[in-house]
């Protein structure tokens, strides 16, 4: 029996702050003990809140599995550009990897958007 969990809209959970910037929607699925993510929709440009990135990082640091979601630092961690990063940590150039069962989405975190209070993220080239 396939049991659908409520759709986790990255907009609803503050991963995406502005629909005009794009959206990414994922859903956690379960069939008995088997669990996976389904990427329902993913635009090439999104906004991601500090809160979400910090939560992902804390779970990773504590060794808690996040069912296909991983945040990775760049090889040579660059400093933030200009005044883009008034807070710590700086997520510029980090990679957000969302591994769904049938589709994987990867976003490179860009600059901090002060007006929207969110990180710009885009599919890498």
PDB file of N, CA and C in Angstrom:
ATOM      1  N   UNK A   1       0.845  -1.179   0.000  1.00  0.00           N
ATOM      2  CA  UNK A   1       0.000   0.000   0.000  1.00  0.00           C
ATOM      3  C   UNK A   1       0.889   1.239   0.000  1.00  0.00           C
ATOM      4  N   UNK A   2       0.649   2.116  -0.921  1.00  0.00           N
ATOM      5  CA  UNK A   2       1.413   3.354  -1.005  1.00  0.00           C
ATOM      6  C   UNK A   2       0.647   4.441  -0.260  1.00  0.00           C
ATOM      7  N   UNK A   3       1.275   4.999   0.750  1.00  0.00           N
ATOM      8  CA  UNK A   3       0.630   6.023   1.551  1.00  0.00           C
ATOM      9  C   UNK A   3       1.290   7.360   1.248  1.00  0.00           C
ATOM     10  N   UNK A   4       0.528   8.306   0.717  1.00  0.00           N
ATOM     11  CA  UNK A   4       1.064   9.638   0.431  1.00  0.00           C
ATOM     12  C   UNK A   4       1.047  10.481   1.693  1.00  0.00           C
ATOM     13  N   UNK A   5       2.166  11.101   1.968  1.00  0.00           N
ATOM     14  CA  UNK A   5       2.215  12.100   3.023  1.00  0.00           C
ATOM     15  C   UNK A   5       1.789  13.422   2.408  1.00  0.00           C
ATOM     16  N   UNK A   6       1.384  14.387   3.206  1.00  0.00           N
ATOM     17  CA  UNK A   6       1.058  15.688   2.624  1.00  0.00           C
ATOM     18  C   UNK A   6       2.254  16.225   1.847  1.00  0.00           C
ATOM     19  N   UNK A   7       1.969  16.874   0.746  1.00  0.00           N
ATOM     20  CA  UNK A   7       3.046  17.437  -0.075  1.00  0.00           C
ATOM     21  C   UNK A   7       3.827  18.448   0.742  1.00  0.00           C
ATOM     22  N   UNK A   8       5.127  18.349   0.677  1.00  0.00           N
ATOM     23  CA  UNK A   8       5.981  19.321   1.343  1.00  0.00           C
ATOM     24  C   UNK A   8       6.366  20.361   0.310  1.00  0.00           C
ATOM     25  N   UNK A   9       5.688  21.443   0.336  1.00  0.00           N
ATOM     26  CA  UNK A   9       6.002  22.528  -0.587  1.00  0.00           C
ATOM     27  C   UNK A   9       7.133  23.321   0.013  1.00  0.00           C
ATOM     28  N   UNK A  10       8.173  23.502  -0.739  1.00  0.00           N
ATOM     29  CA  UNK A  10       9.283  24.278  -0.217  1.00  0.00           C
ATOM     30  C   UNK A  10       8.834  25.704   0.041  1.00  0.00           C
ATOM     31  N   UNK A  11       7.776  26.133  -0.639  1.00  0.00           N
ATOM     32  CA  UNK A  11       7.219  27.452  -0.364  1.00  0.00           C
ATOM     33  C   UNK A  11       6.574  27.443   1.017  1.00  0.00           C
ATOM     34  N   UNK A  12       5.765  26.429   1.281  1.00  0.00           N
ATOM     35  CA  UNK A  12       5.044  26.353   2.549  1.00  0.00           C
ATOM     36  C   UNK A  12       6.002  26.227   3.726  1.00  0.00           C
ATOM     37  N   UNK A  13       7.110  25.557   3.515  1.00  0.00           N
ATOM     38  CA  UNK A  13       8.077  25.361   4.588  1.00  0.00           C
ATOM     39  C   UNK A  13       9.196  26.394   4.562  1.00  0.00           C
ATOM     40  N   UNK A  14       8.992  27.471   3.840  1.00  0.00           N
ATOM     41  CA  UNK A  14       9.887  28.606   3.784  1.00  0.00           C
ATOM     42  C   UNK A  14      11.198  28.312   3.066  1.00  0.00           C
ATOM     43  N   UNK A  15      11.260  27.215   2.330  1.00  0.00           N
ATOM     44  CA  UNK A  15      12.445  26.998   1.509  1.00  0.00           C
ATOM     45  C   UNK A  15      12.434  27.961   0.336  1.00  0.00           C
ATOM     46  N   UNK A  16      11.248  28.219  -0.178  1.00  0.00           N
ATOM     47  CA  UNK A  16      11.105  29.149  -1.285  1.00  0.00           C
ATOM     48  C   UNK A  16      10.314  30.337  -0.763  1.00  0.00           C
ATOM     49  N   UNK A  17      10.868  31.519  -0.891  1.00  0.00           N
ATOM     50  CA  UNK A  17      10.241  32.690  -0.303  1.00  0.00           C
ATOM     51  C   UNK A  17       9.400  33.482  -1.298  1.00  0.00           C
ATOM     52  N   UNK A  18       9.621  33.293  -2.569  1.00  0.00           N
ATOM     53  CA  UNK A  18       8.963  34.149  -3.561  1.00  0.00           C
ATOM     54  C   UNK A  18       8.643  33.332  -4.807  1.00  0.00           C
ATOM     55  N   UNK A  19       7.349  33.062  -5.087  1.00  0.00           N
ATOM     56  CA  UNK A  19       7.005  32.250  -6.250  1.00  0.00           C
ATOM     57  C   UNK A  19       7.561  32.770  -7.565  1.00  0.00           C
ATOM     58  N   UNK A  20       7.708  34.077  -7.714  1.00  0.00           N
ATOM     59  CA  UNK A  20       8.241  34.623  -8.963  1.00  0.00           C
ATOM     60  C   UNK A  20       9.687  34.169  -9.182  1.00  0.00           C
ATOM     61  N   UNK A  21      10.370  33.777  -8.134  1.00  0.00           N
ATOM     62  CA  UNK A  21      11.748  33.308  -8.232  1.00  0.00           C
ATOM     63  C   UNK A  21      11.808  31.823  -8.554  1.00  0.00           C
ATOM     64  N   UNK A  22      10.715  31.133  -8.480  1.00  0.00           N
ATOM     65  CA  UNK A  22      10.685  29.704  -8.754  1.00  0.00           C
ATOM     66  C   UNK A  22      10.240  28.926  -7.531  1.00  0.00           C
ATOM     67  N   UNK A  23       9.911  27.680  -7.772  1.00  0.00           N
ATOM     68  CA  UNK A  23       9.430  26.815  -6.701  1.00  0.00           C
ATOM     69  C   UNK A  23      10.055  25.434  -6.826  1.00  0.00           C
ATOM     70  N   UNK A  24      10.131  24.757  -5.705  1.00  0.00           N
ATOM     71  CA  UNK A  24      10.560  23.369  -5.684  1.00  0.00           C
ATOM     72  C   UNK A  24       9.645  22.650  -4.706  1.00  0.00           C
ATOM     73  N   UNK A  25       8.974  21.614  -5.186  1.00  0.00           N
ATOM     74  CA  UNK A  25       8.037  20.865  -4.347  1.00  0.00           C
ATOM     75  C   UNK A  25       8.497  19.414  -4.270  1.00  0.00           C
ATOM     76  N   UNK A  26       8.562  18.918  -3.045  1.00  0.00           N
ATOM     77  CA  UNK A  26       8.915  17.515  -2.838  1.00  0.00           C
ATOM     78  C   UNK A  26       7.854  16.877  -1.955  1.00  0.00           C
ATOM     79  N   UNK A  27       7.747  15.573  -2.044  1.00  0.00           N
ATOM     80  CA  UNK A  27       6.786  14.832  -1.223  1.00  0.00           C
ATOM     81  C   UNK A  27       7.499  13.594  -0.690  1.00  0.00           C
ATOM     82  N   UNK A  28       7.316  13.349   0.582  1.00  0.00           N
ATOM     83  CA  UNK A  28       7.848  12.126   1.184  1.00  0.00           C
ATOM     84  C   UNK A  28       6.818  11.020   0.977  1.00  0.00           C
ATOM     85  N   UNK A  29       7.272   9.884   0.462  1.00  0.00           N
ATOM     86  CA  UNK A  29       6.397   8.744   0.195  1.00  0.00           C
ATOM     87  C   UNK A  29       6.799   7.589   1.101  1.00  0.00           C
ATOM     88  N   UNK A  30       5.861   6.690   1.339  1.00  0.00           N
ATOM     89  CA  UNK A  30       6.140   5.534   2.176  1.00  0.00           C
ATOM     90  C   UNK A  30       5.321   4.342   1.693  1.00  0.00           C
ATOM     91  N   UNK A  31       5.953   3.181   1.738  1.00  0.00           N
ATOM     92  CA  UNK A  31       5.291   1.909   1.446  1.00  0.00           C
ATOM     93  C   UNK A  31       5.867   0.911   2.434  1.00  0.00           C
ATOM     94  N   UNK A  32       5.170   0.700   3.523  1.00  0.00           N
ATOM     95  CA  UNK A  32       5.705  -0.139   4.597  1.00  0.00           C
ATOM     96  C   UNK A  32       6.898   0.554   5.225  1.00  0.00           C
ATOM     97  N   UNK A  33       8.019  -0.155   5.301  1.00  0.00           N
ATOM     98  CA  UNK A  33       9.242   0.430   5.854  1.00  0.00           C
ATOM     99  C   UNK A  33      10.022   1.221   4.823  1.00  0.00           C
ATOM    100  N   UNK A  34       9.648   1.099   3.562  1.00  0.00           N
ATOM    101  CA  UNK A  34      10.345   1.802   2.474  1.00  0.00           C
ATOM    102  C   UNK A  34       9.874   3.253   2.411  1.00  0.00           C
ATOM    103  N   UNK A  35      10.810   4.194   2.470  1.00  0.00           N
ATOM    104  CA  UNK A  35      10.490   5.620   2.373  1.00  0.00           C
ATOM    105  C   UNK A  35      11.381   6.256   1.321  1.00  0.00           C
ATOM    106  N   UNK A  36      10.849   7.256   0.624  1.00  0.00           N
ATOM    107  CA  UNK A  36      11.607   7.954  -0.400  1.00  0.00           C
ATOM    108  C   UNK A  36      11.011   9.325  -0.635  1.00  0.00           C
ATOM    109  N   UNK A  37      11.767  10.137  -1.364  1.00  0.00           N
ATOM    110  CA  UNK A  37      11.289  11.460  -1.764  1.00  0.00           C
ATOM    111  C   UNK A  37      10.856  11.419  -3.217  1.00  0.00           C
ATOM    112  N   UNK A  38       9.830  12.177  -3.507  1.00  0.00           N
ATOM    113  CA  UNK A  38       9.385  12.380  -4.881  1.00  0.00           C
ATOM    114  C   UNK A  38       9.521  13.871  -5.178  1.00  0.00           C
ATOM    115  N   UNK A  39      10.291  14.203  -6.200  1.00  0.00           N
ATOM    116  CA  UNK A  39      10.403  15.591  -6.625  1.00  0.00           C
ATOM    117  C   UNK A  39       9.233  15.845  -7.571  1.00  0.00           C
ATOM    118  N   UNK A  40       8.286  16.647  -7.120  1.00  0.00           N
ATOM    119  CA  UNK A  40       7.077  16.913  -7.891  1.00  0.00           C
ATOM    120  C   UNK A  40       7.316  18.001  -8.921  1.00  0.00           C
ATOM    121  N   UNK A  41       8.020  19.043  -8.513  1.00  0.00           N
ATOM    122  CA  UNK A  41       8.296  20.177  -9.407  1.00  0.00           C
ATOM    123  C   UNK A  41       9.565  20.866  -8.924  1.00  0.00           C
ATOM    124  N   UNK A  42      10.407  21.285  -9.864  1.00  0.00           N
ATOM    125  CA  UNK A  42      11.636  21.995  -9.493  1.00  0.00           C
ATOM    126  C   UNK A  42      11.982  23.008 -10.580  1.00  0.00           C
ATOM    127  N   UNK A  43      11.909  24.270 -10.230  1.00  0.00           N
ATOM    128  CA  UNK A  43      12.332  25.329 -11.140  1.00  0.00           C
ATOM    129  C   UNK A  43      13.841  25.517 -11.028  1.00  0.00           C
ATOM    130  N   UNK A  44      14.472  26.070 -12.067  1.00  0.00           N
ATOM    131  CA  UNK A  44      15.929  26.225 -12.036  1.00  0.00           C
ATOM    132  C   UNK A  44      16.437  27.292 -11.077  1.00  0.00           C
ATOM    133  N   UNK A  45      15.597  28.230 -10.652  1.00  0.00           N
ATOM    134  CA  UNK A  45      15.999  29.286  -9.714  1.00  0.00           C
ATOM    135  C   UNK A  45      14.989  29.345  -8.583  1.00  0.00           C
ATOM    136  N   UNK A  46      15.496  29.282  -7.347  1.00  0.00           N
ATOM    137  CA  UNK A  46      14.631  29.365  -6.173  1.00  0.00           C
ATOM    138  C   UNK A  46      15.289  30.234  -5.116  1.00  0.00           C
ATOM    139  N   UNK A  47      14.546  30.552  -4.079  1.00  0.00           N
ATOM    140  CA  UNK A  47      15.058  31.223  -2.895  1.00  0.00           C
ATOM    141  C   UNK A  47      14.921  30.251  -1.725  1.00  0.00           C
ATOM    142  N   UNK A  48      15.923  30.233  -0.851  1.00  0.00           N
ATOM    143  CA  UNK A  48      15.925  29.317   0.285  1.00  0.00           C
ATOM    144  C   UNK A  48      16.227  30.111   1.551  1.00  0.00           C
ATOM    145  N   UNK A  49      15.472  29.839   2.597  1.00  0.00           N
ATOM    146  CA  UNK A  49      15.675  30.567   3.845  1.00  0.00           C
ATOM    147  C   UNK A  49      16.909  30.054   4.594  1.00  0.00           C
ATOM    148  N   UNK A  50      17.475  30.936   5.385  1.00  0.00           N
ATOM    149  CA  UNK A  50      18.577  30.582   6.281  1.00  0.00           C
ATOM    150  C   UNK A  50      18.146  29.461   7.215  1.00  0.00           C
ATOM    151  N   UNK A  51      16.929  29.557   7.721  1.00  0.00           N
ATOM    152  CA  UNK A  51      16.401  28.588   8.671  1.00  0.00           C
ATOM    153  C   UNK A  51      16.458  27.163   8.108  1.00  0.00           C
ATOM    154  N   UNK A  52      16.070  27.000   6.863  1.00  0.00           N
ATOM    155  CA  UNK A  52      16.065  25.669   6.257  1.00  0.00           C
ATOM    156  C   UNK A  52      17.488  25.150   6.077  1.00  0.00           C
ATOM    157  N   UNK A  53      18.384  25.985   5.565  1.00  0.00           N
ATOM    158  CA  UNK A  53      19.763  25.546   5.372  1.00  0.00           C
ATOM    159  C   UNK A  53      20.421  25.195   6.701  1.00  0.00           C
ATOM    160  N   UNK A  54      20.175  26.008   7.712  1.00  0.00           N
ATOM    161  CA  UNK A  54      20.738  25.725   9.040  1.00  0.00           C
ATOM    162  C   UNK A  54      20.194  24.408   9.602  1.00  0.00           C
ATOM    163  N   UNK A  55      18.911  24.146   9.410  1.00  0.00           N
ATOM    164  CA  UNK A  55      18.305  22.908   9.896  1.00  0.00           C
ATOM    165  C   UNK A  55      18.915  21.696   9.211  1.00  0.00           C
ATOM    166  N   UNK A  56      19.070  21.766   7.888  1.00  0.00           N
ATOM    167  CA  UNK A  56      19.691  20.667   7.148  1.00  0.00           C
ATOM    168  C   UNK A  56      21.100  20.418   7.678  1.00  0.00           C
ATOM    169  N   UNK A  57      21.858  21.486   7.869  1.00  0.00           N
ATOM    170  CA  UNK A  57      23.241  21.362   8.344  1.00  0.00           C
ATOM    171  C   UNK A  57      23.311  20.749   9.743  1.00  0.00           C
ATOM    172  N   UNK A  58      22.433  21.163  10.626  1.00  0.00           N
ATOM    173  CA  UNK A  58      22.438  20.634  11.998  1.00  0.00           C
ATOM    174  C   UNK A  58      22.106  19.143  11.991  1.00  0.00           C
ATOM    175  N   UNK A  59      21.103  18.754  11.229  1.00  0.00           N
ATOM    176  CA  UNK A  59      20.752  17.331  11.145  1.00  0.00           C
ATOM    177  C   UNK A  59      21.926  16.520  10.601  1.00  0.00           C
ATOM    178  N   UNK A  60      22.583  17.026   9.564  1.00  0.00           N
ATOM    179  CA  UNK A  60      23.741  16.319   9.007  1.00  0.00           C
ATOM    180  C   UNK A  60      24.846  16.188  10.037  1.00  0.00           C
ATOM    181  N   UNK A  61      25.121  17.275  10.729  1.00  0.00           N
ATOM    182  CA  UNK A  61      26.195  17.281  11.730  1.00  0.00           C
ATOM    183  C   UNK A  61      25.926  16.264  12.833  1.00  0.00           C
ATOM    184  N   UNK A  62      24.648  16.074  13.170  1.00  0.00           N
ATOM    185  CA  UNK A  62      24.269  15.122  14.221  1.00  0.00           C
ATOM    186  C   UNK A  62      24.121  13.702  13.683  1.00  0.00           C
ATOM    187  N   UNK A  63      24.303  13.525  12.375  1.00  0.00           N
ATOM    188  CA  UNK A  63      24.209  12.199  11.785  1.00  0.00           C
ATOM    189  C   UNK A  63      22.786  11.709  11.566  1.00  0.00           C
ATOM    190  N   UNK A  64      21.828  12.622  11.542  1.00  0.00           N
ATOM    191  CA  UNK A  64      20.431  12.250  11.331  1.00  0.00           C
ATOM    192  C   UNK A  64      20.149  12.237   9.834  1.00  0.00           C
ATOM    193  N   UNK A  65      19.652  11.112   9.340  1.00  0.00           N
ATOM    194  CA  UNK A  65      19.336  10.979   7.919  1.00  0.00           C
ATOM    195  C   UNK A  65      18.164  11.880   7.561  1.00  0.00           C
ATOM    196  N   UNK A  66      18.271  12.520   6.411  1.00  0.00           N
ATOM    197  CA  UNK A  66      17.215  13.419   5.966  1.00  0.00           C
ATOM    198  C   UNK A  66      16.552  12.932   4.693  1.00  0.00           C
ATOM    199  N   UNK A  67      16.568  11.635   4.475  1.00  0.00           N
ATOM    200  CA  UNK A  67      15.856  11.023   3.361  1.00  0.00           C
ATOM    201  C   UNK A  67      16.130  11.716   2.034  1.00  0.00           C
ATOM    202  N   UNK A  68      17.372  11.678   1.605  1.00  0.00           N
ATOM    203  CA  UNK A  68      17.709  12.172   0.279  1.00  0.00           C
ATOM    204  C   UNK A  68      18.070  13.636   0.175  1.00  0.00           C
ATOM    205  N   UNK A  69      18.169  14.356   1.277  1.00  0.00           N
ATOM    206  CA  UNK A  69      18.537  15.772   1.250  1.00  0.00           C
ATOM    207  C   UNK A  69      19.919  15.926   1.868  1.00  0.00           C
ATOM    208  N   UNK A  70      20.818  16.558   1.122  1.00  0.00           N
ATOM    209  CA  UNK A  70      22.191  16.735   1.609  1.00  0.00           C
ATOM    210  C   UNK A  70      22.697  18.117   1.230  1.00  0.00           C
ATOM    211  N   UNK A  71      23.463  18.711   2.115  1.00  0.00           N
ATOM    212  CA  UNK A  71      24.076  20.011   1.902  1.00  0.00           C
ATOM    213  C   UNK A  71      25.583  19.825   1.957  1.00  0.00           C
ATOM    214  N   UNK A  72      26.281  20.231   0.886  1.00  0.00           N
ATOM    215  CA  UNK A  72      27.727  20.017   0.805  1.00  0.00           C
ATOM    216  C   UNK A  72      28.471  21.326   0.597  1.00  0.00           C
ATOM    217  N   UNK A  73      29.602  21.500   1.291  1.00  0.00           N
ATOM    218  CA  UNK A  73      30.395  22.717   1.100  1.00  0.00           C
ATOM    219  C   UNK A  73      31.161  22.663  -0.214  1.00  0.00           C
ATOM    220  N   UNK A  74      31.526  23.828  -0.730  1.00  0.00           N
ATOM    221  CA  UNK A  74      32.372  23.845  -1.931  1.00  0.00           C
ATOM    222  C   UNK A  74      33.780  23.397  -1.565  1.00  0.00           C
ATOM    223  N   UNK A  75      34.560  22.911  -2.547  1.00  0.00           N
ATOM    224  CA  UNK A  75      35.917  22.438  -2.252  1.00  0.00           C
ATOM    225  C   UNK A  75      36.794  23.509  -1.609  1.00  0.00           C
ATOM    226  N   UNK A  76      36.827  24.691  -2.173  1.00  0.00           N
ATOM    227  CA  UNK A  76      37.582  25.809  -1.601  1.00  0.00           C
ATOM    228  C   UNK A  76      36.573  26.868  -1.217  1.00  0.00           C
ATOM    229  N   UNK A  77      36.098  26.779  -0.025  1.00  0.00           N
ATOM    230  CA  UNK A  77      35.007  27.621   0.463  1.00  0.00           C
ATOM    231  C   UNK A  77      35.319  29.104   0.279  1.00  0.00           C
ATOM    232  N   UNK A  78      34.641  29.779  -0.689  1.00  0.00           N
ATOM    233  CA  UNK A  78      34.918  31.193  -0.942  1.00  0.00           C
ATOM    234  C   UNK A  78      34.247  32.090   0.094  1.00  0.00           C
ATOM    235  N   UNK A  79      34.786  33.256   0.312  1.00  0.00           N
ATOM    236  CA  UNK A  79      34.118  34.203   1.200  1.00  0.00           C
ATOM    237  C   UNK A  79      32.867  34.737   0.518  1.00  0.00           C
ATOM    238  N   UNK A  80      31.936  35.222   1.313  1.00  0.00           N
ATOM    239  CA  UNK A  80      30.745  35.828   0.725  1.00  0.00           C
ATOM    240  C   UNK A  80      31.137  37.092  -0.012  1.00  0.00           C
ATOM    241  N   UNK A  81      30.363  37.399  -1.035  1.00  0.00           N
ATOM    242  CA  UNK A  81      30.638  38.577  -1.842  1.00  0.00           C
ATOM    243  C   UNK A  81      30.010  39.817  -1.208  1.00  0.00           C
ATOM    244  N   UNK A  82      30.797  40.853  -1.064  1.00  0.00           N
ATOM    245  CA  UNK A  82      30.289  42.128  -0.550  1.00  0.00           C
ATOM    246  C   UNK A  82      29.690  41.987   0.822  1.00  0.00           C
ATOM    247  N   UNK A  83      28.541  42.609   1.018  1.00  0.00           N
ATOM    248  CA  UNK A  83      27.876  42.556   2.318  1.00  0.00           C
ATOM    249  C   UNK A  83      26.770  41.506   2.299  1.00  0.00           C
ATOM    250  N   UNK A  84      26.929  40.502   1.445  1.00  0.00           N
ATOM    251  CA  UNK A  84      25.879  39.505   1.253  1.00  0.00           C
ATOM    252  C   UNK A  84      25.668  38.623   2.478  1.00  0.00           C
ATOM    253  N   UNK A  85      26.612  38.573   3.367  1.00  0.00           N
ATOM    254  CA  UNK A  85      26.517  37.613   4.457  1.00  0.00           C
ATOM    255  C   UNK A  85      26.733  38.256   5.823  1.00  0.00           C
ATOM    256  N   UNK A  86      25.714  38.946   6.338  1.00  0.00           N
ATOM    257  CA  UNK A  86      25.865  39.578   7.638  1.00  0.00           C
ATOM    258  C   UNK A  86      25.766  38.577   8.791  1.00  0.00           C
ATOM    259  N   UNK A  87      25.472  37.333   8.489  1.00  0.00           N
ATOM    260  CA  UNK A  87      25.290  36.317   9.522  1.00  0.00           C
ATOM    261  C   UNK A  87      26.159  35.105   9.207  1.00  0.00           C
ATOM    262  N   UNK A  88      26.247  34.211  10.160  1.00  0.00           N
ATOM    263  CA  UNK A  88      27.053  33.007  10.011  1.00  0.00           C
ATOM    264  C   UNK A  88      26.105  31.817  10.144  1.00  0.00           C
ATOM    265  N   UNK A  89      26.252  30.753   9.428  1.00  0.00           N
ATOM    266  CA  UNK A  89      27.284  30.539   8.419  1.00  0.00           C
ATOM    267  C   UNK A  89      26.909  31.141   7.074  1.00  0.00           C
ATOM    268  N   UNK A  90      27.896  31.243   6.246  1.00  0.00           N
ATOM    269  CA  UNK A  90      27.687  31.731   4.889  1.00  0.00           C
ATOM    270  C   UNK A  90      27.508  30.517   3.987  1.00  0.00           C
ATOM    271  N   UNK A  91      26.440  30.487   3.216  1.00  0.00           N
ATOM    272  CA  UNK A  91      26.125  29.333   2.371  1.00  0.00           C
ATOM    273  C   UNK A  91      26.529  29.538   0.908  1.00  0.00           C
ATOM    274  N   UNK A  92      27.191  30.627   0.589  1.00  0.00           N
ATOM    275  CA  UNK A  92      27.587  30.893  -0.793  1.00  0.00           C
ATOM    276  C   UNK A  92      28.396  29.729  -1.360  1.00  0.00           C
ATOM    277  N   UNK A  93      27.977  29.240  -2.513  1.00  0.00           N
ATOM    278  CA  UNK A  93      28.609  28.158  -3.272  1.00  0.00           C
ATOM    279  C   UNK A  93      28.393  26.763  -2.688  1.00  0.00           C
ATOM    280  N   UNK A  94      27.638  26.625  -1.619  1.00  0.00           N
ATOM    281  CA  UNK A  94      27.314  25.294  -1.106  1.00  0.00           C
ATOM    282  C   UNK A  94      26.351  24.627  -2.082  1.00  0.00           C
ATOM    283  N   UNK A  95      26.271  23.306  -2.034  1.00  0.00           N
ATOM    284  CA  UNK A  95      25.414  22.533  -2.925  1.00  0.00           C
ATOM    285  C   UNK A  95      24.305  21.853  -2.114  1.00  0.00           C
ATOM    286  N   UNK A  96      23.061  22.067  -2.540  1.00  0.00           N
ATOM    287  CA  UNK A  96      21.908  21.388  -1.961  1.00  0.00           C
ATOM    288  C   UNK A  96      21.497  20.296  -2.932  1.00  0.00           C
ATOM    289  N   UNK A  97      21.530  19.060  -2.464  1.00  0.00           N
ATOM    290  CA  UNK A  97      21.261  17.880  -3.285  1.00  0.00           C
ATOM    291  C   UNK A  97      19.979  17.234  -2.763  1.00  0.00           C
ATOM    292  N   UNK A  98      18.963  17.135  -3.621  1.00  0.00           N
ATOM    293  CA  UNK A  98      17.693  16.513  -3.254  1.00  0.00           C
ATOM    294  C   UNK A  98      17.518  15.289  -4.151  1.00  0.00           C
ATOM    295  N   UNK A  99      17.681  14.121  -3.579  1.00  0.00           N
ATOM    296  CA  UNK A  99      17.616  12.876  -4.342  1.00  0.00           C
ATOM    297  C   UNK A  99      16.241  12.246  -4.215  1.00  0.00           C
ATOM    298  N   UNK A 100      15.431  12.429  -5.243  1.00  0.00           N
ATOM    299  CA  UNK A 100      14.140  11.765  -5.300  1.00  0.00           C
ATOM    300  C   UNK A 100      14.292  10.405  -5.936  1.00  0.00           C
ATOM    301  N   UNK A 101      13.274   9.590  -5.822  1.00  0.00           N
ATOM    302  CA  UNK A 101      13.347   8.242  -6.384  1.00  0.00           C
ATOM    303  C   UNK A 101      13.486   8.277  -7.903  1.00  0.00           C
ATOM    304  N   UNK A 102      12.737   9.150  -8.575  1.00  0.00           N
ATOM    305  CA  UNK A 102      12.791   9.181 -10.037  1.00  0.00           C
ATOM    306  C   UNK A 102      13.467  10.427 -10.605  1.00  0.00           C
ATOM    307  N   UNK A 103      13.816  11.369  -9.725  1.00  0.00           N
ATOM    308  CA  UNK A 103      14.455  12.603 -10.200  1.00  0.00           C
ATOM    309  C   UNK A 103      15.303  13.191  -9.086  1.00  0.00           C
ATOM    310  N   UNK A 104      16.488  13.642  -9.448  1.00  0.00           N
ATOM    311  CA  UNK A 104      17.376  14.308  -8.502  1.00  0.00           C
ATOM    312  C   UNK A 104      17.522  15.760  -8.918  1.00  0.00           C
ATOM    313  N   UNK A 105      17.487  16.658  -7.943  1.00  0.00           N
ATOM    314  CA  UNK A 105      17.644  18.083  -8.205  1.00  0.00           C
ATOM    315  C   UNK A 105      18.829  18.590  -7.393  1.00  0.00           C
ATOM    316  N   UNK A 106      19.672  19.375  -8.045  1.00  0.00           N
ATOM    317  CA  UNK A 106      20.838  19.951  -7.381  1.00  0.00           C
ATOM    318  C   UNK A 106      20.790  21.460  -7.543  1.00  0.00           C
ATOM    319  N   UNK A 107      20.952  22.171  -6.437  1.00  0.00           N
ATOM    320  CA  UNK A 107      21.006  23.634  -6.446  1.00  0.00           C
ATOM    321  C   UNK A 107      22.336  24.096  -5.874  1.00  0.00           C
ATOM    322  N   UNK A 108      22.949  25.082  -6.511  1.00  0.00           N
ATOM    323  CA  UNK A 108      24.126  25.755  -5.958  1.00  0.00           C
ATOM    324  C   UNK A 108      23.615  27.027  -5.293  1.00  0.00           C
ATOM    325  N   UNK A 109      23.981  27.196  -4.025  1.00  0.00           N
ATOM    326  CA  UNK A 109      23.552  28.377  -3.282  1.00  0.00           C
ATOM    327  C   UNK A 109      24.376  29.569  -3.759  1.00  0.00           C
ATOM    328  N   UNK A 110      23.692  30.646  -4.057  1.00  0.00           N
ATOM    329  CA  UNK A 110      24.355  31.849  -4.548  1.00  0.00           C
ATOM    330  C   UNK A 110      24.466  32.903  -3.461  1.00  0.00           C
ATOM    331  N   UNK A 111      24.019  34.087  -3.778  1.00  0.00           N
ATOM    332  CA  UNK A 111      24.181  35.206  -2.843  1.00  0.00           C
ATOM    333  C   UNK A 111      22.956  35.367  -1.943  1.00  0.00           C
ATOM    334  N   UNK A 112      23.176  36.055  -0.853  1.00  0.00           N
ATOM    335  CA  UNK A 112      22.111  36.397   0.084  1.00  0.00           C
ATOM    336  C   UNK A 112      21.337  37.570  -0.493  1.00  0.00           C
ATOM    337  N   UNK A 113      20.021  37.440  -0.628  1.00  0.00           N
ATOM    338  CA  UNK A 113      19.164  38.509  -1.127  1.00  0.00           C
ATOM    339  C   UNK A 113      18.617  39.263   0.080  1.00  0.00           C
ATOM    340  N   UNK A 114      19.199  40.412   0.350  1.00  0.00           N
ATOM    341  CA  UNK A 114      18.840  41.194   1.531  1.00  0.00           C
ATOM    342  C   UNK A 114      17.384  41.630   1.497  1.00  0.00           C
ATOM    343  N   UNK A 115      16.893  42.035   0.337  1.00  0.00           N
ATOM    344  CA  UNK A 115      15.507  42.495   0.222  1.00  0.00           C
ATOM    345  C   UNK A 115      14.507  41.398   0.567  1.00  0.00           C
ATOM    346  N   UNK A 116      14.784  40.177   0.131  1.00  0.00           N
ATOM    347  CA  UNK A 116      13.853  39.066   0.348  1.00  0.00           C
ATOM    348  C   UNK A 116      14.239  38.198   1.545  1.00  0.00           C
ATOM    349  N   UNK A 117      15.393  38.493   2.159  1.00  0.00           N
ATOM    350  CA  UNK A 117      15.878  37.734   3.319  1.00  0.00           C
ATOM    351  C   UNK A 117      15.926  36.236   3.023  1.00  0.00           C
ATOM    352  N   UNK A 118      16.575  35.914   1.901  1.00  0.00           N
ATOM    353  CA  UNK A 118      16.695  34.512   1.487  1.00  0.00           C
ATOM    354  C   UNK A 118      17.933  34.340   0.616  1.00  0.00           C
ATOM    355  N   UNK A 119      18.378  33.105   0.486  1.00  0.00           N
ATOM    356  CA  UNK A 119      19.505  32.766  -0.368  1.00  0.00           C
ATOM    357  C   UNK A 119      18.982  32.464  -1.765  1.00  0.00           C
ATOM    358  N   UNK A 120      19.647  33.009  -2.766  1.00  0.00           N
ATOM    359  CA  UNK A 120      19.340  32.673  -4.158  1.00  0.00           C
ATOM    360  C   UNK A 120      20.028  31.348  -4.455  1.00  0.00           C
ATOM    361  N   UNK A 121      19.342  30.462  -5.153  1.00  0.00           N
ATOM    362  CA  UNK A 121      19.924  29.177  -5.519  1.00  0.00           C
ATOM    363  C   UNK A 121      19.510  28.844  -6.950  1.00  0.00           C
ATOM    364  N   UNK A 122      20.389  28.149  -7.657  1.00  0.00           N
ATOM    365  CA  UNK A 122      20.123  27.798  -9.054  1.00  0.00           C
ATOM    366  C   UNK A 122      20.761  26.465  -9.391  1.00  0.00           C
ATOM    367  N   UNK A 123      20.223  25.827 -10.427  1.00  0.00           N
ATOM    368  CA  UNK A 123      20.855  24.617 -10.927  1.00  0.00           C
ATOM    369  C   UNK A 123      22.259  24.980 -11.386  1.00  0.00           C
ATOM    370  N   UNK A 124      23.254  24.167 -11.053  1.00  0.00           N
ATOM    371  CA  UNK A 124      24.614  24.467 -11.536  1.00  0.00           C
ATOM    372  C   UNK A 124      24.698  24.319 -13.052  1.00  0.00           C
ATOM    373  N   UNK A 125      25.667  25.016 -13.639  1.00  0.00           N
ATOM    374  CA  UNK A 125      25.862  24.920 -15.097  1.00  0.00           C
ATOM    375  C   UNK A 125      26.359  23.550 -15.484  1.00  0.00           C
TER     376      UNK A 125
END
